[in-house]
Amino acid sequence: MPALDPTLSRDILSAVDDGFAEQVSFLEDLVRFPSVRGQEHTAQDFMHDALAARGYAMDRWTIDVESIRHHPGFSPVTVDYSHALNVVGSHRPRETAGRSLILNGHMDVVPTGPVDMWASPPFDPRRDGDWLYGRGAGDMKAGLSANVFAVDALRRLGYRPAAPLYQQSVVEEECTGNGALACLARGYRADAAIIPEPEDDKLVRANVGVIWFQVTVRGTPAHVREAGQGANAIEAAFRLIQGLRGLEADWNARKGDHPHFDHLDAPITFNPGKIAGGDWASSVPAWCTFDGRFGLYPGVSPRDAAREIEECLRRTAAADPFMANQPPEVTYNGFMAEGYVLEEGSEAERTLGRAHASAYGQSLEAFTTTSYLDGRVFVLYQDTPCLVYGPRAEAIHAFDERVSLASLRRVTGTIALFIADWCGLERA
């Protein structure tokens, strides 16, 4: 397809600039919602009302585990989904002339950690020059604001998309991916999707899958004066973690079989992210649990990976005098998600490349990332090109998370140009 008229492109970017102060205020409002897991519903209500006020046809529902439990992309959960709300706003043109589009983003954020280690309260947005600080500012409430205000910019010029467009605000991206999967199960489809995750102004070419698991170790309690008669479950857990480090090294040694990952030093990461154990400082601990996360190469089945993890734990336990007779137990409590590769050369990618070049004045770059992305739901299970592309952010999942506002403005402009090119425009 031919590129957009240069005058129209300039007008669209100017319209994004004209609305950017309002967009930043909207982003600050989103950051103020502490939308950690189980508490996303108030932020989702805010998003619902914001989209409804813009004239979208609204759909808001609680994720039904039973509706997705048997889907191959489902991740097991053990938590209550009472407040796990998805929100979708649908735009339908008077007459479809272009191609349909999903703009997707996640409202859930990770925990803050010790609040006193932040320079300012994590849910109190703070600006310092080009940076906007706050938990979720980068990952990924900035992207949600870009989705909304890209369409707003077109409306400001008197246009709207000439094809169906769906604004998806989902939950569970940080732990299962079941939110995006629930949108698929509900019937939402489009010719392309954009997810403006914080990707430093680049397009994700490939990303890992992720598996979460919990290991429970039993010990034998004893008074510390007779510690030798007990079996320390916490120390045993450390030995299991070291065994899993060996599996991590083994998987990284296979990177040559995966062309998009062979240039990375360690594409596969095992992270023991949470641990608890024992009941009393003067008693040999009788129990310990730890939660772990492994990355997976695209094409690797999470079920096959789970079997390798279990075998590694069995081997490690068998070499331990106590655990040989008290083997650890493994359960799965989150991500069971396969990675994906976005094949090059799609019309959607070419369209994004044109839009990015207009907004940035330079060519679009693609790269490989080693974090989970909801893009897998679209690529693997909808056969839909999903463009994960978003602003520059720093310290995501860390203290003093922040997003570059200059980058966010350009990304918003890119998305607005993409919509005009991909969907076409009709007069509002």
Protein backbone atom coordinates (compact mmCIF):
# COMPACT_ATOMS: atom_id res chain seq x y z
CA MET A 1 0.00 0.00 0.00
CA PRO A 2 1.21 3.56 -0.61
CA ALA A 3 2.43 5.62 2.31
CA LEU A 4 0.16 8.15 3.93
CA ASP A 5 -0.01 11.60 2.43
CA PRO A 6 2.88 13.58 4.01
CA THR A 7 0.60 16.46 4.96
CA LEU A 8 -1.82 14.11 6.72
CA SER A 9 1.10 12.43 8.53
CA ARG A 10 2.32 15.79 9.82
CA ASP A 11 -1.20 16.73 10.89
CA ILE A 12 -1.58 13.46 12.81
CA LEU A 13 1.70 13.93 14.63
CA SER A 14 0.74 17.51 15.47
CA ALA A 15 -2.59 16.28 16.83
CA VAL A 16 -0.72 13.83 19.09
CA ASP A 17 1.41 16.71 20.35
CA ASP A 18 -1.68 18.83 20.97
CA GLY A 19 -3.19 16.14 23.17
CA PHE A 20 -0.02 15.05 24.93
CA ALA A 21 -0.45 17.08 28.11
CA GLU A 22 -3.86 15.47 28.56
CA GLN A 23 -2.32 12.07 27.82
CA VAL A 24 0.31 12.52 30.54
CA SER A 25 -2.40 13.52 33.00
CA PHE A 26 -4.32 10.38 32.03
CA LEU A 27 -1.20 8.28 32.58
CA GLU A 28 -0.66 9.84 35.98
CA ASP A 29 -4.24 8.94 36.90
CA LEU A 30 -3.58 5.33 35.89
CA VAL A 31 -0.39 5.15 37.96
CA ARG A 32 -2.31 6.25 41.05
CA PHE A 33 -4.27 2.98 40.99
CA PRO A 34 -2.31 0.27 42.87
CA SER A 35 -3.34 -2.35 40.35
CA VAL A 36 -1.30 -5.27 41.67
CA ARG A 37 -2.69 -8.75 41.24
CA GLY A 38 -6.16 -9.04 42.75
CA GLN A 39 -6.60 -5.27 42.94
CA GLU A 40 -6.92 -4.33 39.28
CA HIS A 41 -10.67 -3.79 39.25
CA THR A 42 -10.73 -0.10 40.23
CA ALA A 43 -8.19 0.78 37.53
CA GLN A 44 -10.20 -1.27 35.05
CA ASP A 45 -13.34 0.63 36.04
CA PHE A 46 -11.47 3.85 35.30
CA MET A 47 -10.42 2.54 31.89
CA HIS A 48 -13.96 1.34 31.17
CA ASP A 49 -15.41 4.76 31.88
CA ALA A 50 -12.70 6.54 29.87
CA LEU A 51 -13.40 4.43 26.79
CA ALA A 52 -17.16 4.61 27.23
CA ALA A 53 -16.95 8.41 27.34
CA ARG A 54 -15.19 8.27 23.97
CA GLY A 55 -18.04 6.36 22.39
CA TYR A 56 -16.66 2.82 22.34
CA ALA A 57 -19.08 -0.09 22.73
CA MET A 58 -18.03 -1.55 26.05
CA ASP A 59 -17.47 -5.08 27.28
CA ARG A 60 -16.31 -5.75 30.84
CA TRP A 61 -16.17 -9.23 32.37
CA THR A 62 -14.54 -11.35 35.04
CA ILE A 63 -12.18 -13.98 33.64
CA ASP A 64 -13.84 -17.39 33.74
CA VAL A 65 -11.15 -20.00 34.32
CA GLU A 66 -13.38 -22.78 33.03
CA SER A 67 -13.72 -21.05 29.65
CA ILE A 68 -9.96 -21.25 29.03
CA ARG A 69 -8.77 -24.13 31.24
CA HIS A 70 -8.46 -26.58 28.35
CA HIS A 71 -6.88 -24.14 25.90
CA PRO A 72 -3.24 -24.99 25.06
CA GLY A 73 -2.23 -21.46 26.06
CA PHE A 74 -3.77 -21.67 29.54
CA SER A 75 -1.61 -21.15 32.62
CA PRO A 76 -2.67 -22.79 35.90
CA VAL A 77 -3.86 -20.53 38.71
CA THR A 78 -4.49 -20.99 42.41
CA VAL A 79 -5.75 -17.49 43.21
CA ASP A 80 -9.23 -15.99 43.30
CA TYR A 81 -10.27 -14.30 40.04
CA SER A 82 -13.16 -12.33 41.54
CA HIS A 83 -11.49 -9.01 40.69
CA ALA A 84 -9.70 -10.20 37.53
CA LEU A 85 -11.59 -7.98 35.10
CA ASN A 86 -10.89 -7.50 31.41
CA VAL A 87 -12.13 -4.40 29.59
CA VAL A 88 -12.60 -4.12 25.82
CA GLY A 89 -13.86 -1.08 23.95
CA SER A 90 -14.99 -1.72 20.37
CA HIS A 91 -15.11 0.79 17.53
CA ARG A 92 -17.01 -0.15 14.40
CA PRO A 93 -17.01 2.08 11.32
CA ARG A 94 -20.04 3.04 9.29
CA GLU A 95 -18.57 1.03 6.41
CA THR A 96 -15.43 -1.10 6.65
CA ALA A 97 -12.82 0.06 4.17
CA GLY A 98 -9.57 -0.95 5.90
CA ARG A 99 -8.15 -3.74 8.05
CA SER A 100 -9.12 -4.45 11.64
CA LEU A 101 -6.82 -3.88 14.59
CA ILE A 102 -6.48 -4.80 18.25
CA LEU A 103 -4.68 -2.37 20.57
CA ASN A 104 -3.81 -4.41 23.65
CA GLY A 105 -2.22 -3.55 26.98
CA HIS A 106 -2.15 -4.89 30.52
CA MET A 107 -3.33 -3.05 33.60
CA ASP A 108 -1.73 -5.32 36.22
CA VAL A 109 1.58 -4.30 37.78
CA VAL A 110 4.12 -6.19 39.88
CA PRO A 111 4.48 -5.57 43.65
CA THR A 112 6.51 -2.56 44.73
CA GLY A 113 8.87 -4.24 47.17
CA PRO A 114 9.89 -2.20 50.24
CA VAL A 115 8.30 1.22 49.72
CA ASP A 116 11.02 2.96 51.74
CA MET A 117 13.53 1.99 49.04
CA TRP A 118 11.73 4.15 46.47
CA ALA A 119 12.77 7.77 46.07
CA SER A 120 9.07 8.70 46.20
CA PRO A 121 5.86 6.75 46.83
CA PRO A 122 5.45 4.23 43.98
CA PHE A 123 1.79 5.03 43.30
CA ASP A 124 2.27 8.79 43.50
CA PRO A 125 3.41 9.72 39.97
CA ARG A 126 6.36 12.10 39.90
CA ARG A 127 7.87 13.99 36.98
CA ASP A 128 11.55 14.83 36.73
CA GLY A 129 12.49 16.28 33.37
CA ASP A 130 11.63 13.77 30.66
CA TRP A 131 10.89 10.98 33.14
CA LEU A 132 7.59 10.03 34.73
CA TYR A 133 8.13 7.85 37.80
CA GLY A 134 5.79 5.31 39.38
CA ARG A 135 5.01 1.63 39.52
CA GLY A 136 3.47 0.70 36.19
CA ALA A 137 4.41 4.00 34.54
CA GLY A 138 6.50 2.08 32.03
CA ASP A 139 5.16 -1.45 32.35
CA MET A 140 2.74 -0.76 30.86
CA LYS A 141 0.30 2.02 31.65
CA ALA A 142 2.20 4.33 29.32
CA GLY A 143 1.36 1.92 26.52
CA LEU A 144 -2.30 1.87 27.48
CA SER A 145 -2.34 5.67 27.30
CA ALA A 146 -0.71 5.51 23.85
CA ASN A 147 -3.44 3.19 22.59
CA VAL A 148 -6.20 5.50 23.79
CA PHE A 149 -4.67 8.80 22.74
CA ALA A 150 -3.53 7.62 19.31
CA VAL A 151 -7.19 7.24 18.38
CA ASP A 152 -7.99 10.51 20.17
CA ALA A 153 -5.50 12.31 17.92
CA LEU A 154 -7.34 11.11 14.83
CA ARG A 155 -10.64 12.19 16.32
CA ARG A 156 -9.17 15.63 17.00
CA LEU A 157 -8.64 15.94 13.24
CA GLY A 158 -12.20 14.83 12.53
CA TYR A 159 -11.36 11.23 11.63
CA ARG A 160 -11.96 7.79 13.00
CA PRO A 161 -10.74 4.34 11.89
CA ALA A 162 -12.44 2.94 8.80
CA ALA A 163 -12.23 -0.61 10.17
CA PRO A 164 -13.10 -2.36 13.44
CA LEU A 165 -10.71 -1.41 16.22
CA TYR A 166 -10.62 -2.95 19.69
CA GLN A 167 -9.05 -1.39 22.77
CA GLN A 168 -8.13 -4.22 25.13
CA SER A 169 -7.11 -3.57 28.74
CA VAL A 170 -6.30 -6.94 30.27
CA VAL A 171 -5.03 -8.39 33.54
CA GLU A 172 -2.82 -11.37 34.44
CA GLU A 173 -0.03 -10.45 32.01
CA GLU A 174 2.55 -10.41 34.78
CA CYS A 175 1.74 -13.92 36.01
CA THR A 176 -0.22 -16.11 33.56
CA GLY A 177 -1.23 -14.41 30.33
CA ASN A 178 -4.77 -15.61 30.96
CA GLY A 179 -6.24 -12.13 30.48
CA ALA A 180 -5.26 -11.87 26.81
CA LEU A 181 -6.23 -15.51 26.37
CA ALA A 182 -9.69 -14.78 27.79
CA CYS A 183 -10.15 -12.06 25.14
CA LEU A 184 -9.41 -14.64 22.46
CA ALA A 185 -11.86 -17.09 24.03
CA ARG A 186 -14.50 -14.34 24.05
CA GLY A 187 -14.21 -14.05 20.29
CA TYR A 188 -12.08 -10.95 19.70
CA ARG A 189 -10.07 -11.22 16.47
CA ALA A 190 -8.41 -8.75 14.12
CA ASP A 191 -6.07 -8.58 11.15
CA ALA A 192 -3.22 -7.29 13.34
CA ALA A 193 -2.45 -6.35 16.93
CA ILE A 194 -0.19 -3.84 18.63
CA ILE A 195 1.00 -4.16 22.24
CA PRO A 196 3.01 -1.06 23.28
CA GLU A 197 5.11 -2.72 25.98
CA PRO A 198 8.20 -0.75 27.08
CA GLU A 199 10.60 -1.96 24.40
CA ASP A 200 12.91 1.06 23.94
CA ASP A 201 11.26 2.21 20.68
CA LYS A 202 11.90 -1.16 19.02
CA LEU A 203 9.89 -4.09 17.68
CA VAL A 204 10.14 -7.49 19.36
CA ARG A 205 11.17 -10.15 16.86
CA ALA A 206 11.23 -13.07 19.29
CA ASN A 207 10.72 -13.68 22.98
CA VAL A 208 10.93 -16.50 25.44
CA GLY A 209 8.18 -18.52 26.97
CA VAL A 210 7.94 -18.72 30.74
CA ILE A 211 7.13 -21.38 33.29
CA TRP A 212 6.46 -20.77 36.99
CA PHE A 213 6.65 -23.50 39.59
CA GLN A 214 6.80 -24.01 43.36
CA VAL A 215 8.98 -26.55 45.13
CA THR A 216 8.12 -27.82 48.61
CA VAL A 217 10.82 -29.47 50.73
CA ARG A 218 10.20 -31.39 53.96
CA GLY A 219 12.76 -31.65 56.75
CA THR A 220 13.01 -33.23 60.18
CA PRO A 221 12.63 -30.77 63.08
CA ALA A 222 14.96 -30.84 66.04
CA HIS A 223 16.20 -28.55 68.80
CA VAL A 224 19.35 -26.74 67.75
CA ARG A 225 21.29 -28.47 70.53
CA GLU A 226 20.59 -31.69 68.59
CA ALA A 227 20.69 -30.19 65.13
CA GLY A 228 22.61 -33.13 63.74
CA GLN A 229 19.61 -35.34 64.37
CA GLY A 230 17.39 -33.15 62.23
CA ALA A 231 17.24 -32.41 58.52
CA ASN A 232 17.25 -28.73 57.56
CA ALA A 233 14.63 -28.10 54.88
CA ILE A 234 15.96 -24.62 54.10
CA GLU A 235 19.47 -25.91 53.43
CA ALA A 236 18.00 -28.69 51.32
CA ALA A 237 16.12 -26.09 49.27
CA PHE A 238 19.41 -24.31 48.57
CA ARG A 239 20.85 -27.56 47.20
CA LEU A 240 17.86 -27.93 44.91
CA ILE A 241 18.30 -24.35 43.70
CA GLN A 242 21.90 -25.13 42.84
CA GLY A 243 20.73 -28.17 40.92
CA LEU A 244 18.36 -25.98 38.91
CA ARG A 245 21.27 -23.66 38.18
CA GLY A 246 22.85 -26.60 36.43
CA LEU A 247 19.72 -27.06 34.33
CA GLU A 248 19.82 -23.35 33.50
CA ALA A 249 23.38 -23.75 32.21
CA ASP A 250 22.34 -26.79 30.17
CA TRP A 251 19.47 -24.93 28.52
CA ASN A 252 21.68 -21.93 27.75
CA ALA A 253 24.15 -24.30 26.08
CA ARG A 254 21.38 -25.16 23.59
CA LYS A 255 21.05 -21.58 22.31
CA GLY A 256 22.78 -22.48 19.06
CA ASP A 257 19.65 -24.38 18.09
CA HIS A 258 17.62 -21.16 18.28
CA PRO A 259 18.87 -18.54 15.78
CA HIS A 260 17.14 -15.55 17.34
CA PHE A 261 18.80 -16.27 20.69
CA ASP A 262 22.28 -17.54 19.85
CA HIS A 263 23.81 -14.05 20.07
CA LEU A 264 22.76 -13.59 23.70
CA ASP A 265 25.12 -14.56 26.52
CA ALA A 266 22.43 -16.25 28.61
CA PRO A 267 18.99 -16.19 26.96
CA ILE A 268 17.51 -18.59 29.52
CA THR A 269 17.17 -17.35 33.08
CA PHE A 270 16.23 -19.33 36.16
CA ASN A 271 15.10 -17.02 38.94
CA PRO A 272 14.34 -18.28 42.44
CA GLY A 273 12.00 -15.38 43.13
CA LYS A 274 10.40 -16.20 46.46
CA ILE A 275 11.27 -18.40 49.45
CA ALA A 276 9.79 -19.18 52.87
CA GLY A 277 10.55 -21.78 55.48
CA GLY A 278 10.80 -22.77 59.09
CA ASP A 279 8.87 -21.78 62.17
CA TRP A 280 11.42 -20.94 64.86
CA ALA A 281 15.00 -19.64 64.91
CA SER A 282 16.05 -22.28 67.45
CA SER A 283 14.44 -25.22 65.64
CA VAL A 284 15.77 -27.10 62.64
CA PRO A 285 13.22 -26.13 59.94
CA ALA A 286 10.81 -28.85 58.94
CA TRP A 287 9.62 -27.17 55.74
CA CYS A 288 10.65 -24.78 53.01
CA THR A 289 9.02 -23.66 49.76
CA PHE A 290 10.49 -21.63 46.96
CA ASP A 291 8.95 -20.26 43.78
CA GLY A 292 10.98 -20.32 40.59
CA ARG A 293 10.78 -19.02 37.05
CA PHE A 294 12.44 -20.41 33.94
CA GLY A 295 12.56 -18.91 30.47
CA LEU A 296 11.91 -21.21 27.49
CA TYR A 297 12.97 -21.01 23.88
CA PRO A 298 10.21 -20.60 21.29
CA GLY A 299 9.01 -23.99 20.16
CA VAL A 300 9.73 -25.62 23.53
CA SER A 301 6.61 -27.02 25.12
CA PRO A 302 6.14 -25.83 28.71
CA ARG A 303 4.98 -29.36 29.57
CA ASP A 304 8.25 -30.81 28.26
CA ALA A 305 10.15 -28.17 30.21
CA ALA A 306 8.22 -29.09 33.35
CA ARG A 307 9.32 -32.70 32.96
CA GLU A 308 12.95 -31.62 32.68
CA ILE A 309 12.62 -29.48 35.80
CA GLU A 310 11.09 -32.38 37.73
CA GLU A 311 13.82 -34.75 36.55
CA CYS A 312 16.51 -32.27 37.61
CA LEU A 313 14.97 -32.03 41.07
CA ARG A 314 14.77 -35.83 41.32
CA ARG A 315 18.44 -36.22 40.41
CA THR A 316 19.49 -33.56 42.89
CA ALA A 317 17.36 -35.05 45.66
CA ALA A 318 18.65 -38.57 44.97
CA ALA A 319 22.18 -37.41 45.73
CA ASP A 320 21.12 -36.07 49.14
CA PRO A 321 20.97 -38.59 52.02
CA PHE A 322 17.74 -37.14 53.44
CA MET A 323 15.91 -36.01 50.28
CA ALA A 324 16.53 -39.36 48.63
CA ASN A 325 13.80 -40.68 50.92
CA GLN A 326 11.83 -37.43 51.17
CA PRO A 327 11.74 -36.11 47.59
CA PRO A 328 10.54 -32.56 46.99
CA GLU A 329 7.10 -31.84 45.59
CA VAL A 330 6.55 -29.60 42.55
CA THR A 331 3.39 -27.66 41.70
CA TYR A 332 2.64 -25.15 38.96
CA ASN A 333 1.11 -21.85 39.94
CA GLY A 334 1.38 -19.39 37.06
CA PHE A 335 2.96 -19.09 33.63
CA MET A 336 2.87 -22.18 31.47
CA ALA A 337 3.50 -20.16 28.35
CA GLU A 338 5.32 -20.90 25.12
CA GLY A 339 7.55 -18.32 23.44
CA TYR A 340 7.13 -17.11 19.88
CA VAL A 341 8.91 -15.67 16.86
CA LEU A 342 7.31 -12.89 14.80
CA GLU A 343 8.05 -13.83 11.22
CA GLU A 344 9.56 -11.06 9.13
CA GLY A 345 7.96 -9.47 6.11
CA SER A 346 4.31 -9.09 7.08
CA GLU A 347 2.35 -6.14 5.76
CA ALA A 348 1.64 -5.16 9.37
CA GLU A 349 5.35 -4.89 10.09
CA ARG A 350 5.96 -2.87 6.93
CA THR A 351 3.14 -0.53 7.95
CA LEU A 352 4.67 -0.09 11.40
CA GLY A 353 8.04 0.57 9.79
CA ARG A 354 6.60 3.41 7.71
CA ALA A 355 4.83 4.89 10.73
CA HIS A 356 7.93 4.65 12.91
CA ALA A 357 10.09 6.29 10.24
CA SER A 358 7.65 9.20 10.03
CA ALA A 359 7.50 9.66 13.81
CA TYR A 360 11.20 9.10 14.56
CA GLY A 361 12.97 10.00 11.35
CA GLN A 362 14.84 6.68 11.37
CA SER A 363 14.32 3.02 10.53
CA LEU A 364 12.58 0.61 12.86
CA GLU A 365 14.83 -1.85 14.68
CA ALA A 366 13.83 -5.33 15.83
CA PHE A 367 15.35 -7.34 18.67
CA THR A 368 14.96 -10.42 20.86
CA THR A 369 13.75 -10.13 24.44
CA THR A 370 13.96 -12.62 27.29
CA SER A 371 10.78 -11.60 29.10
CA TYR A 372 7.21 -12.85 28.76
CA LEU A 373 4.85 -11.05 26.37
CA ASP A 374 1.14 -11.47 25.64
CA GLY A 375 2.07 -11.33 21.97
CA ARG A 376 2.28 -15.13 22.07
CA VAL A 377 -1.54 -15.33 22.38
CA PHE A 378 -1.96 -13.58 19.02
CA VAL A 379 0.95 -15.17 17.14
CA LEU A 380 0.54 -18.77 18.33
CA TYR A 381 -3.22 -19.10 18.72
CA GLN A 382 -4.74 -16.52 16.34
CA ASP A 383 -2.18 -16.55 13.52
CA THR A 384 -2.23 -12.78 13.85
CA PRO A 385 0.84 -10.56 13.43
CA CYS A 386 1.35 -8.96 16.83
CA LEU A 387 3.63 -5.94 16.94
CA VAL A 388 5.07 -5.57 20.43
CA TYR A 389 6.55 -2.10 20.20
CA GLY A 390 6.65 0.61 22.81
CA PRO A 391 8.41 3.42 24.62
CA ARG A 392 11.69 3.62 26.45
CA ALA A 393 11.42 2.78 30.14
CA GLU A 394 13.86 2.00 32.91
CA ALA A 395 13.77 0.09 36.21
CA ILE A 396 10.65 -1.88 35.34
CA HIS A 397 9.98 -4.45 38.11
CA ALA A 398 12.51 -2.47 40.18
CA PHE A 399 12.60 0.61 42.40
CA ASP A 400 11.87 4.00 40.81
CA GLU A 401 10.32 2.64 37.62
CA ARG A 402 10.13 5.37 34.99
CA VAL A 403 9.13 6.05 31.40
CA SER A 404 10.49 8.58 28.93
CA LEU A 405 7.74 11.01 27.97
CA ALA A 406 9.48 12.06 24.75
CA SER A 407 9.60 8.42 23.70
CA LEU A 408 5.96 7.92 24.71
CA ARG A 409 4.90 10.87 22.56
CA ARG A 410 6.68 9.45 19.50
CA VAL A 411 5.27 5.95 20.09
CA THR A 412 1.77 7.43 20.34
CA GLY A 413 2.39 9.19 17.04
CA THR A 414 3.59 5.95 15.46
CA ILE A 415 0.44 4.10 16.57
CA ALA A 416 -1.79 6.90 15.29
CA LEU A 417 -0.04 6.80 11.90
CA PHE A 418 -0.31 3.01 11.85
CA ILE A 419 -4.06 3.17 12.46
CA ALA A 420 -4.54 5.71 9.67
CA ASP A 421 -2.51 3.57 7.24
CA TRP A 422 -3.72 0.11 8.32
CA CYS A 423 -7.37 0.77 9.13
CA GLY A 424 -7.95 3.71 6.84
CA LEU A 425 -9.91 6.77 7.92
CA GLU A 426 -13.45 7.95 7.66
CA ARG A 427 -14.88 11.27 8.70
CA ALA A 428 -16.14 11.23 12.26
